[in-house]
Amino acid sequence: MLLIRAEDPGRVWYFLPGGLLEHGETLEQACAREVREETGLEVQVRRPLYLREFIAERHQRRSVNMPSNHHVLGLLFLCELRPEDADKPFEQLGEFQPDPGAQGVKGLEWVPLNRVAEIEIMPPHVRESLLGEFPPPADRGIQFWPEE
């Protein structure tokens, strides 16, 4: 699982990376482009898993470039690495260019699913979903994560 690592004094926590659509591209194309831009990796976008609502004014930790009236729906996809990258150690998978306006962000981190129970992930329902049946079966459709 590709997560963003953030640090505060005495606290390490994670959250999901994201990005924006460019005019004319599909959701799948945007996902693949964002992964490529943030890591240098090419991925195969498999299917959407979750739809997340995000209301910026409810979050203390947001980029200084993000307006407080920012309200988005984020679609999270299941992706797979190309076969030539799949067997590489996590440390050899891509590089990260941090957003200079994001407070406490240290970088991207590949977190094995068997380690998810040991770390703090925000918002909490992300961690709960990863600890359940992951990825969820395709016949369940896209699960909605409302703003909390």
N, C-alpha and C. Protein backbone atom coordinates (compact mmCIF):
# COMPACT_ATOMS: atom_id res chain seq x y z
N MET A 1 0.85 -1.16 0.00
CA MET A 1 0.00 0.00 0.00
C MET A 1 0.90 1.22 0.00
N LEU A 2 0.66 2.14 -0.93
CA LEU A 2 1.44 3.37 -1.00
C LEU A 2 0.76 4.44 -0.15
N LEU A 3 1.47 4.91 0.88
CA LEU A 3 0.93 5.92 1.80
C LEU A 3 1.91 7.07 1.95
N ILE A 4 1.41 8.21 2.37
CA ILE A 4 2.26 9.35 2.69
C ILE A 4 2.54 9.33 4.19
N ARG A 5 3.82 9.44 4.53
CA ARG A 5 4.25 9.44 5.93
C ARG A 5 4.34 10.89 6.42
N ALA A 6 3.75 11.13 7.58
CA ALA A 6 3.81 12.45 8.20
C ALA A 6 4.32 12.27 9.63
N GLU A 7 5.00 13.30 10.12
CA GLU A 7 5.55 13.24 11.47
C GLU A 7 5.28 14.52 12.22
N ASP A 8 4.92 14.36 13.47
CA ASP A 8 4.80 15.42 14.45
C ASP A 8 5.69 15.01 15.61
N PRO A 9 6.03 15.91 16.51
CA PRO A 9 6.79 15.49 17.69
C PRO A 9 6.06 14.35 18.42
N GLY A 10 6.70 13.20 18.52
CA GLY A 10 6.14 12.06 19.23
C GLY A 10 5.07 11.29 18.47
N ARG A 11 4.87 11.58 17.20
CA ARG A 11 3.80 10.91 16.45
C ARG A 11 4.22 10.71 15.00
N VAL A 12 3.99 9.50 14.48
CA VAL A 12 4.15 9.19 13.06
C VAL A 12 2.80 8.68 12.58
N TRP A 13 2.32 9.22 11.48
CA TRP A 13 1.03 8.81 10.96
C TRP A 13 1.06 8.84 9.45
N TYR A 14 0.05 8.24 8.82
CA TYR A 14 0.02 8.08 7.38
C TYR A 14 -1.33 8.51 6.83
N PHE A 15 -1.32 8.88 5.55
CA PHE A 15 -2.57 9.15 4.84
C PHE A 15 -2.37 8.82 3.37
N LEU A 16 -3.46 8.78 2.64
CA LEU A 16 -3.42 8.38 1.24
C LEU A 16 -2.96 9.52 0.34
N PRO A 17 -2.14 9.22 -0.67
CA PRO A 17 -1.78 10.26 -1.64
C PRO A 17 -2.97 10.57 -2.53
N GLY A 18 -2.92 11.70 -3.20
CA GLY A 18 -4.03 12.09 -4.08
C GLY A 18 -3.54 12.98 -5.20
N GLY A 19 -4.46 13.43 -6.00
CA GLY A 19 -4.11 14.30 -7.11
C GLY A 19 -5.36 14.83 -7.78
N LEU A 20 -5.15 15.57 -8.84
CA LEU A 20 -6.25 16.20 -9.56
C LEU A 20 -6.33 15.70 -10.99
N LEU A 21 -7.52 15.79 -11.55
CA LEU A 21 -7.72 15.47 -12.97
C LEU A 21 -7.22 16.61 -13.82
N GLU A 22 -6.65 16.28 -14.96
CA GLU A 22 -6.36 17.27 -15.98
C GLU A 22 -7.48 17.20 -17.00
N HIS A 23 -7.82 18.34 -17.57
CA HIS A 23 -8.93 18.38 -18.52
C HIS A 23 -8.72 17.35 -19.64
N GLY A 24 -9.76 16.56 -19.88
CA GLY A 24 -9.76 15.59 -20.97
C GLY A 24 -9.25 14.21 -20.63
N GLU A 25 -8.65 14.01 -19.44
CA GLU A 25 -8.17 12.68 -19.12
C GLU A 25 -9.22 11.90 -18.34
N THR A 26 -9.19 10.59 -18.46
CA THR A 26 -10.11 9.74 -17.71
C THR A 26 -9.62 9.61 -16.27
N LEU A 27 -10.48 9.10 -15.41
CA LEU A 27 -10.09 8.88 -14.01
C LEU A 27 -8.91 7.91 -13.92
N GLU A 28 -8.95 6.85 -14.73
CA GLU A 28 -7.87 5.87 -14.73
C GLU A 28 -6.56 6.49 -15.21
N GLN A 29 -6.63 7.32 -16.25
CA GLN A 29 -5.43 7.99 -16.75
C GLN A 29 -4.86 8.93 -15.69
N ALA A 30 -5.72 9.64 -14.98
CA ALA A 30 -5.27 10.55 -13.93
C ALA A 30 -4.58 9.78 -12.81
N CYS A 31 -5.13 8.64 -12.43
CA CYS A 31 -4.53 7.83 -11.38
C CYS A 31 -3.13 7.38 -11.80
N ALA A 32 -3.00 6.83 -13.00
CA ALA A 32 -1.70 6.36 -13.49
C ALA A 32 -0.70 7.52 -13.59
N ARG A 33 -1.15 8.68 -14.06
CA ARG A 33 -0.28 9.85 -14.18
C ARG A 33 0.19 10.32 -12.81
N GLU A 34 -0.73 10.39 -11.83
CA GLU A 34 -0.35 10.84 -10.49
C GLU A 34 0.68 9.90 -9.87
N VAL A 35 0.49 8.60 -10.02
CA VAL A 35 1.48 7.65 -9.49
C VAL A 35 2.82 7.87 -10.17
N ARG A 36 2.80 8.03 -11.49
CA ARG A 36 4.04 8.26 -12.24
C ARG A 36 4.73 9.56 -11.80
N GLU A 37 3.95 10.63 -11.64
CA GLU A 37 4.53 11.92 -11.24
C GLU A 37 5.10 11.88 -9.83
N GLU A 38 4.43 11.17 -8.93
CA GLU A 38 4.86 11.16 -7.53
C GLU A 38 5.92 10.12 -7.23
N THR A 39 6.03 9.07 -8.07
CA THR A 39 6.97 7.99 -7.77
C THR A 39 7.89 7.62 -8.93
N GLY A 40 7.52 7.99 -10.14
CA GLY A 40 8.27 7.55 -11.32
C GLY A 40 7.87 6.16 -11.78
N LEU A 41 6.89 5.55 -11.13
CA LEU A 41 6.47 4.18 -11.46
C LEU A 41 5.29 4.17 -12.42
N GLU A 42 5.27 3.17 -13.28
CA GLU A 42 4.11 2.91 -14.14
C GLU A 42 3.28 1.83 -13.47
N VAL A 43 1.97 2.06 -13.39
CA VAL A 43 1.08 1.07 -12.79
C VAL A 43 -0.04 0.72 -13.75
N GLN A 44 -0.61 -0.44 -13.52
CA GLN A 44 -1.81 -0.87 -14.21
C GLN A 44 -2.98 -0.57 -13.27
N VAL A 45 -3.87 0.32 -13.68
CA VAL A 45 -5.03 0.67 -12.86
C VAL A 45 -6.07 -0.43 -13.06
N ARG A 46 -6.43 -1.11 -11.99
CA ARG A 46 -7.35 -2.25 -12.08
C ARG A 46 -8.82 -1.84 -11.99
N ARG A 47 -9.20 -1.21 -10.85
CA ARG A 47 -10.61 -0.83 -10.66
C ARG A 47 -10.74 0.12 -9.49
N PRO A 48 -11.82 0.91 -9.49
CA PRO A 48 -12.06 1.78 -8.33
C PRO A 48 -12.54 0.95 -7.14
N LEU A 49 -12.07 1.33 -5.95
CA LEU A 49 -12.45 0.63 -4.72
C LEU A 49 -13.32 1.48 -3.81
N TYR A 50 -12.91 2.73 -3.60
CA TYR A 50 -13.57 3.58 -2.61
C TYR A 50 -13.80 4.97 -3.17
N LEU A 51 -14.87 5.59 -2.72
CA LEU A 51 -15.17 6.97 -3.02
C LEU A 51 -15.14 7.71 -1.69
N ARG A 52 -14.29 8.73 -1.60
CA ARG A 52 -14.11 9.44 -0.33
C ARG A 52 -14.49 10.90 -0.49
N GLU A 53 -15.28 11.40 0.46
CA GLU A 53 -15.61 12.81 0.52
C GLU A 53 -14.60 13.50 1.42
N PHE A 54 -14.14 14.69 0.99
CA PHE A 54 -13.16 15.45 1.76
C PHE A 54 -13.58 16.91 1.79
N ILE A 55 -13.79 17.45 2.99
CA ILE A 55 -14.15 18.85 3.18
C ILE A 55 -12.99 19.50 3.93
N ALA A 56 -12.23 20.32 3.22
CA ALA A 56 -10.95 20.85 3.74
C ALA A 56 -11.09 21.58 5.06
N GLU A 57 -12.12 22.38 5.24
CA GLU A 57 -12.21 23.18 6.46
C GLU A 57 -12.32 22.34 7.73
N ARG A 58 -12.63 21.07 7.58
CA ARG A 58 -12.73 20.17 8.74
C ARG A 58 -11.40 19.53 9.11
N HIS A 59 -10.35 19.85 8.36
CA HIS A 59 -9.05 19.22 8.57
C HIS A 59 -7.99 20.26 8.90
N GLN A 60 -7.33 20.08 10.02
CA GLN A 60 -6.26 20.99 10.41
C GLN A 60 -5.03 20.78 9.54
N ARG A 61 -4.79 19.57 9.14
CA ARG A 61 -3.59 19.24 8.37
C ARG A 61 -3.93 19.19 6.89
N ARG A 62 -3.76 20.29 6.24
CA ARG A 62 -3.92 20.33 4.79
C ARG A 62 -2.83 21.25 4.26
N SER A 63 -2.55 21.12 3.01
CA SER A 63 -1.53 21.96 2.39
C SER A 63 -1.92 23.43 2.55
N VAL A 64 -0.94 24.29 2.76
CA VAL A 64 -1.24 25.71 2.87
C VAL A 64 -1.79 26.26 1.56
N ASN A 65 -1.59 25.52 0.49
CA ASN A 65 -2.10 25.93 -0.82
C ASN A 65 -3.56 25.54 -1.03
N MET A 66 -4.13 24.75 -0.11
CA MET A 66 -5.50 24.29 -0.26
C MET A 66 -6.47 25.25 0.43
N PRO A 67 -7.40 25.82 -0.32
CA PRO A 67 -8.36 26.73 0.32
C PRO A 67 -9.29 25.98 1.27
N SER A 68 -9.75 26.68 2.31
CA SER A 68 -10.61 26.03 3.29
C SER A 68 -11.97 25.65 2.70
N ASN A 69 -12.39 26.28 1.60
CA ASN A 69 -13.67 25.92 0.98
C ASN A 69 -13.53 24.82 -0.05
N HIS A 70 -12.40 24.12 -0.03
CA HIS A 70 -12.13 22.99 -0.93
C HIS A 70 -12.99 21.80 -0.51
N HIS A 71 -13.81 21.29 -1.40
CA HIS A 71 -14.68 20.13 -1.12
C HIS A 71 -14.57 19.21 -2.33
N VAL A 72 -14.02 18.03 -2.10
CA VAL A 72 -13.78 17.12 -3.22
C VAL A 72 -14.31 15.72 -2.93
N LEU A 73 -14.50 15.01 -4.00
CA LEU A 73 -14.75 13.58 -3.94
C LEU A 73 -13.51 12.91 -4.51
N GLY A 74 -12.92 12.01 -3.74
CA GLY A 74 -11.73 11.30 -4.18
C GLY A 74 -12.07 9.86 -4.48
N LEU A 75 -11.66 9.40 -5.65
CA LEU A 75 -11.88 8.01 -6.05
C LEU A 75 -10.56 7.26 -5.88
N LEU A 76 -10.57 6.22 -5.07
CA LEU A 76 -9.36 5.45 -4.79
C LEU A 76 -9.38 4.17 -5.61
N PHE A 77 -8.26 3.91 -6.27
CA PHE A 77 -8.17 2.78 -7.19
C PHE A 77 -7.24 1.69 -6.68
N LEU A 78 -7.54 0.47 -7.08
CA LEU A 78 -6.63 -0.66 -6.91
C LEU A 78 -5.71 -0.66 -8.11
N CYS A 79 -4.41 -0.61 -7.87
CA CYS A 79 -3.42 -0.60 -8.95
C CYS A 79 -2.41 -1.72 -8.71
N GLU A 80 -1.75 -2.12 -9.77
CA GLU A 80 -0.68 -3.11 -9.68
C GLU A 80 0.55 -2.57 -10.35
N LEU A 81 1.71 -2.91 -9.79
CA LEU A 81 2.97 -2.55 -10.42
C LEU A 81 3.18 -3.36 -11.69
N ARG A 82 3.97 -2.81 -12.60
CA ARG A 82 4.36 -3.58 -13.78
C ARG A 82 5.12 -4.82 -13.32
N PRO A 83 5.07 -5.91 -14.08
CA PRO A 83 5.76 -7.14 -13.66
C PRO A 83 7.25 -6.92 -13.37
N GLU A 84 7.92 -6.05 -14.14
CA GLU A 84 9.36 -5.83 -13.92
C GLU A 84 9.65 -5.08 -12.61
N ASP A 85 8.65 -4.43 -12.03
CA ASP A 85 8.84 -3.74 -10.75
C ASP A 85 8.30 -4.53 -9.56
N ALA A 86 7.45 -5.50 -9.82
CA ALA A 86 6.72 -6.19 -8.75
C ALA A 86 7.62 -6.92 -7.77
N ASP A 87 8.78 -7.39 -8.20
CA ASP A 87 9.66 -8.15 -7.31
C ASP A 87 10.75 -7.31 -6.67
N LYS A 88 10.77 -6.02 -6.94
CA LYS A 88 11.80 -5.16 -6.35
C LYS A 88 11.50 -4.91 -4.87
N PRO A 89 12.54 -4.72 -4.07
CA PRO A 89 12.31 -4.31 -2.67
C PRO A 89 11.64 -2.95 -2.64
N PHE A 90 10.84 -2.71 -1.61
CA PHE A 90 10.12 -1.44 -1.49
C PHE A 90 11.03 -0.23 -1.64
N GLU A 91 12.25 -0.31 -1.08
CA GLU A 91 13.16 0.83 -1.10
C GLU A 91 13.56 1.23 -2.52
N GLN A 92 13.39 0.33 -3.47
CA GLN A 92 13.80 0.61 -4.85
C GLN A 92 12.63 1.05 -5.73
N LEU A 93 11.50 1.31 -5.12
CA LEU A 93 10.31 1.66 -5.90
C LEU A 93 10.04 3.16 -5.85
N GLY A 94 10.56 3.87 -6.81
CA GLY A 94 10.21 5.26 -7.01
C GLY A 94 10.81 6.24 -6.01
N GLU A 95 10.61 7.50 -6.32
CA GLU A 95 11.06 8.60 -5.50
C GLU A 95 9.90 9.56 -5.29
N PHE A 96 9.98 10.36 -4.24
CA PHE A 96 8.87 11.23 -3.87
C PHE A 96 9.34 12.68 -3.82
N GLN A 97 8.55 13.57 -4.42
CA GLN A 97 8.80 15.01 -4.34
C GLN A 97 7.73 15.60 -3.42
N PRO A 98 8.08 15.94 -2.18
CA PRO A 98 7.07 16.42 -1.23
C PRO A 98 6.52 17.79 -1.60
N ASP A 99 5.29 18.03 -1.20
CA ASP A 99 4.63 19.33 -1.34
C ASP A 99 5.22 20.22 -0.25
N PRO A 100 5.92 21.30 -0.61
CA PRO A 100 6.55 22.13 0.42
C PRO A 100 5.54 22.79 1.36
N GLY A 101 4.26 22.86 0.97
CA GLY A 101 3.25 23.47 1.83
C GLY A 101 2.58 22.50 2.77
N ALA A 102 2.88 21.22 2.66
CA ALA A 102 2.22 20.21 3.50
C ALA A 102 3.00 20.06 4.81
N GLN A 103 2.35 20.35 5.91
CA GLN A 103 2.99 20.33 7.22
C GLN A 103 3.32 18.91 7.66
N GLY A 104 4.56 18.68 8.05
CA GLY A 104 4.96 17.41 8.63
C GLY A 104 5.15 16.26 7.66
N VAL A 105 4.90 16.47 6.37
CA VAL A 105 5.02 15.39 5.40
C VAL A 105 6.49 15.06 5.17
N LYS A 106 6.83 13.78 5.31
CA LYS A 106 8.22 13.34 5.15
C LYS A 106 8.46 12.59 3.85
N GLY A 107 7.42 11.95 3.31
CA GLY A 107 7.61 11.25 2.05
C GLY A 107 6.61 10.12 1.87
N LEU A 108 6.71 9.49 0.72
CA LEU A 108 5.89 8.32 0.44
C LEU A 108 6.53 7.10 1.07
N GLU A 109 5.71 6.16 1.47
CA GLU A 109 6.23 4.93 2.04
C GLU A 109 5.36 3.76 1.57
N TRP A 110 6.02 2.71 1.13
CA TRP A 110 5.32 1.47 0.79
C TRP A 110 5.15 0.70 2.08
N VAL A 111 3.90 0.46 2.47
CA VAL A 111 3.60 -0.22 3.72
C VAL A 111 2.97 -1.57 3.39
N PRO A 112 3.62 -2.67 3.80
CA PRO A 112 3.01 -3.98 3.58
C PRO A 112 1.67 -4.07 4.31
N LEU A 113 0.71 -4.73 3.72
CA LEU A 113 -0.62 -4.84 4.35
C LEU A 113 -0.55 -5.50 5.72
N ASN A 114 0.41 -6.40 5.92
CA ASN A 114 0.50 -7.05 7.23
C ASN A 114 1.06 -6.13 8.31
N ARG A 115 1.43 -4.90 7.94
CA ARG A 115 1.91 -3.92 8.92
C ARG A 115 0.88 -2.83 9.23
N VAL A 116 -0.22 -2.83 8.52
CA VAL A 116 -1.25 -1.79 8.68
C VAL A 116 -1.78 -1.72 10.11
N ALA A 117 -1.91 -2.86 10.77
CA ALA A 117 -2.44 -2.88 12.13
C ALA A 117 -1.52 -2.16 13.12
N GLU A 118 -0.24 -1.97 12.77
CA GLU A 118 0.74 -1.39 13.67
C GLU A 118 0.87 0.13 13.54
N ILE A 119 0.23 0.74 12.54
CA ILE A 119 0.46 2.16 12.28
C ILE A 119 -0.84 2.96 12.37
N GLU A 120 -0.70 4.26 12.54
CA GLU A 120 -1.85 5.16 12.55
C GLU A 120 -2.07 5.67 11.13
N ILE A 121 -3.28 5.51 10.62
CA ILE A 121 -3.64 6.00 9.29
C ILE A 121 -4.85 6.91 9.46
N MET A 122 -4.79 8.06 8.83
CA MET A 122 -5.89 9.01 8.89
C MET A 122 -6.52 9.18 7.52
N PRO A 123 -7.82 9.31 7.43
CA PRO A 123 -8.78 9.14 8.50
C PRO A 123 -8.89 7.67 8.91
N PRO A 124 -9.39 7.40 10.12
CA PRO A 124 -9.39 6.04 10.66
C PRO A 124 -10.10 5.00 9.79
N HIS A 125 -11.12 5.40 9.03
CA HIS A 125 -11.84 4.39 8.24
C HIS A 125 -10.97 3.80 7.12
N VAL A 126 -9.90 4.48 6.75
CA VAL A 126 -8.97 3.92 5.76
C VAL A 126 -8.30 2.69 6.35
N ARG A 127 -7.79 2.84 7.57
CA ARG A 127 -7.13 1.72 8.25
C ARG A 127 -8.11 0.56 8.47
N GLU A 128 -9.32 0.88 8.90
CA GLU A 128 -10.32 -0.16 9.14
C GLU A 128 -10.60 -0.95 7.86
N SER A 129 -10.69 -0.25 6.73
CA SER A 129 -10.94 -0.93 5.45
C SER A 129 -9.78 -1.83 5.06
N LEU A 130 -8.55 -1.36 5.30
CA LEU A 130 -7.38 -2.15 4.97
C LEU A 130 -7.23 -3.38 5.87
N LEU A 131 -7.72 -3.28 7.10
CA LEU A 131 -7.66 -4.42 8.02
C LEU A 131 -8.75 -5.44 7.74
N GLY A 132 -9.76 -5.04 7.00
CA GLY A 132 -10.84 -5.97 6.64
C GLY A 132 -10.44 -6.77 5.40
N GLU A 133 -11.40 -7.14 4.64
CA GLU A 133 -11.13 -7.89 3.41
C GLU A 133 -10.63 -6.91 2.35
N PHE A 134 -9.32 -7.01 2.06
CA PHE A 134 -8.72 -6.08 1.10
C PHE A 134 -7.94 -6.84 0.05
N PRO A 135 -8.14 -6.51 -1.20
CA PRO A 135 -9.15 -5.58 -1.68
C PRO A 135 -10.54 -6.20 -1.58
N PRO A 136 -11.55 -5.35 -1.43
CA PRO A 136 -12.91 -5.90 -1.36
C PRO A 136 -13.28 -6.55 -2.69
N PRO A 137 -14.13 -7.56 -2.66
CA PRO A 137 -14.53 -8.22 -3.90
C PRO A 137 -15.18 -7.23 -4.87
N ALA A 138 -14.94 -7.42 -6.14
CA ALA A 138 -15.46 -6.51 -7.16
C ALA A 138 -16.99 -6.47 -7.17
N ASP A 139 -17.64 -7.56 -6.78
CA ASP A 139 -19.10 -7.58 -6.83
C ASP A 139 -19.74 -6.70 -5.75
N ARG A 140 -18.95 -6.18 -4.81
CA ARG A 140 -19.48 -5.25 -3.81
C ARG A 140 -19.60 -3.83 -4.35
N GLY A 141 -18.98 -3.57 -5.48
CA GLY A 141 -19.01 -2.23 -6.04
C GLY A 141 -18.09 -1.28 -5.29
N ILE A 142 -18.26 -0.02 -5.52
CA ILE A 142 -17.44 1.01 -4.89
C ILE A 142 -18.04 1.34 -3.53
N GLN A 143 -17.21 1.31 -2.49
CA GLN A 143 -17.67 1.64 -1.14
C GLN A 143 -17.48 3.14 -0.91
N PHE A 144 -18.46 3.78 -0.24
CA PHE A 144 -18.42 5.20 0.01
C PHE A 144 -17.89 5.50 1.40
N TRP A 145 -16.91 6.39 1.49
CA TRP A 145 -16.39 6.87 2.76
C TRP A 145 -16.83 8.29 2.96
N PRO A 146 -17.88 8.56 3.75
CA PRO A 146 -18.33 9.93 3.96
C PRO A 146 -17.35 10.72 4.81
N GLU A 147 -17.45 12.04 4.71
CA GLU A 147 -16.62 12.92 5.54
C GLU A 147 -17.02 12.71 7.00
N GLU A 148 -16.02 12.69 7.87
CA GLU A 148 -16.30 12.51 9.31
C GLU A 148 -15.97 13.77 10.06
